[in-house]
Amino acid sequence: MIKLVALYRKPSETADFDSHFDSIHTPLLRKLPGLKRLETTRVTGAPLGEAKYYRIAEAYFDDRDAMDRALASAEGKAVVKDLLSFASDLVTVFHGEPE
């Protein structure tokens, strides 16, 4: 199992961001071929002070090859294009293996 993680810093216009994230970006993510599970989180706080991130998206795939195929697909390219259109200056993306 591998997951693709996107951490989003707080945007200046949270209502616009949330509207786009919920109504456009998340449905695009759900169309990724081979996607096993998608979790999105609205960060509500941190134990010590203000949270560094505002939203989190975690997309799970069977393995690295499945994730790479999903990202190379037409649906994956649409996800990346959309991400760059609304959150390129806010997002950090990485992948890892859940333990």
Protein backbone atom coordinates (compact mmCIF):
# COMPACT_ATOMS: atom_id res chain seq x y z
CA MET A 1 0.00 0.00 0.00
CA ILE A 2 1.16 3.53 -0.77
CA LYS A 3 -0.49 6.86 -0.20
CA LEU A 4 -0.15 10.19 -1.93
CA VAL A 5 -0.42 13.01 0.61
CA ALA A 6 -1.19 16.68 -0.05
CA LEU A 7 -0.80 19.18 2.80
CA TYR A 8 -2.44 22.56 2.20
CA ARG A 9 -1.48 25.73 4.07
CA LYS A 10 -4.29 28.12 4.99
CA PRO A 11 -5.42 30.16 1.98
CA SER A 12 -6.27 33.84 2.26
CA GLU A 13 -9.85 33.11 1.12
CA THR A 14 -10.93 29.95 2.94
CA ALA A 15 -14.51 29.97 1.61
CA ASP A 16 -13.35 30.06 -2.02
CA PHE A 17 -10.72 27.41 -1.35
CA ASP A 18 -13.18 25.10 0.43
CA SER A 19 -15.76 25.49 -2.32
CA HIS A 20 -13.24 24.55 -5.01
CA PHE A 21 -11.68 21.75 -2.95
CA ASP A 22 -15.04 20.16 -2.11
CA SER A 23 -16.95 20.62 -5.36
CA ILE A 24 -14.20 20.34 -7.99
CA HIS A 25 -10.91 18.93 -6.70
CA THR A 26 -12.20 16.10 -4.51
CA PRO A 27 -14.51 14.71 -7.25
CA LEU A 28 -11.52 14.72 -9.63
CA LEU A 29 -9.45 12.80 -7.09
CA ARG A 30 -12.21 10.21 -6.72
CA LYS A 31 -11.94 9.46 -10.47
CA LEU A 32 -8.26 8.39 -10.26
CA PRO A 33 -7.94 4.86 -11.65
CA GLY A 34 -6.80 2.35 -9.05
CA LEU A 35 -7.70 4.60 -6.11
CA LYS A 36 -8.44 2.40 -3.09
CA ARG A 37 -9.36 5.05 -0.56
CA LEU A 38 -9.48 8.83 -0.30
CA GLU A 39 -9.42 10.69 2.99
CA THR A 40 -9.70 14.45 3.26
CA THR A 41 -9.28 16.29 6.54
CA ARG A 42 -10.15 19.81 7.59
CA VAL A 43 -7.53 20.63 10.23
CA THR A 44 -9.20 22.09 13.32
CA GLY A 45 -6.21 22.80 15.53
CA ALA A 46 -2.91 21.70 16.95
CA PRO A 47 -1.85 20.72 20.47
CA LEU A 48 0.54 23.66 20.74
CA GLY A 49 -0.61 26.83 19.03
CA GLU A 50 -1.90 27.28 15.52
CA ALA A 51 -1.87 24.40 13.05
CA LYS A 52 0.61 24.71 10.19
CA TYR A 53 -1.85 23.17 7.70
CA TYR A 54 -5.46 23.86 6.79
CA ARG A 55 -6.48 20.77 4.80
CA ILE A 56 -5.03 17.32 4.11
CA ALA A 57 -5.80 14.89 1.30
CA GLU A 58 -4.59 11.27 1.35
CA ALA A 59 -5.09 9.05 -1.70
CA TYR A 60 -4.31 5.34 -1.22
CA PHE A 61 -3.20 2.91 -3.94
CA ASP A 62 -2.12 -0.74 -3.95
CA ASP A 63 1.50 0.10 -4.77
CA ARG A 64 3.83 2.65 -6.38
CA ASP A 65 3.12 1.34 -9.89
CA ALA A 66 -0.63 1.79 -9.40
CA MET A 67 -0.10 5.33 -8.11
CA ASP A 68 2.22 6.18 -11.00
CA ARG A 69 -0.31 4.82 -13.52
CA ALA A 70 -3.08 6.87 -11.88
CA LEU A 71 -1.04 10.06 -12.03
CA ALA A 72 -0.06 9.43 -15.67
CA SER A 73 -3.68 8.83 -16.70
CA ALA A 74 -5.98 11.48 -18.18
CA GLU A 75 -7.71 11.67 -14.79
CA GLY A 76 -4.38 12.13 -13.03
CA LYS A 77 -3.37 14.90 -15.39
CA ALA A 78 -6.71 16.61 -14.71
CA VAL A 79 -6.06 16.42 -10.95
CA VAL A 80 -2.60 17.96 -11.33
CA LYS A 81 -3.86 20.69 -13.67
CA ASP A 82 -6.62 21.56 -11.23
CA LEU A 83 -4.26 21.51 -8.24
CA LEU A 84 -1.92 23.94 -9.95
CA SER A 85 -4.83 26.22 -10.85
CA PHE A 86 -6.05 26.77 -7.29
CA ALA A 87 -3.39 25.73 -4.79
CA SER A 88 0.09 25.70 -6.34
CA ASP A 89 1.41 28.16 -3.76
CA LEU A 90 -0.28 26.40 -0.83
CA VAL A 91 0.39 22.69 -1.28
CA THR A 92 3.14 20.24 -0.42
CA VAL A 93 2.76 16.79 -2.02
CA PHE A 94 4.64 13.59 -1.17
CA HIS A 95 4.03 9.84 -0.99
CA GLY A 96 4.80 7.19 1.59
CA GLU A 97 4.05 3.67 2.76
CA PRO A 98 1.65 3.34 5.68
CA GLU A 99 2.91 1.07 8.46
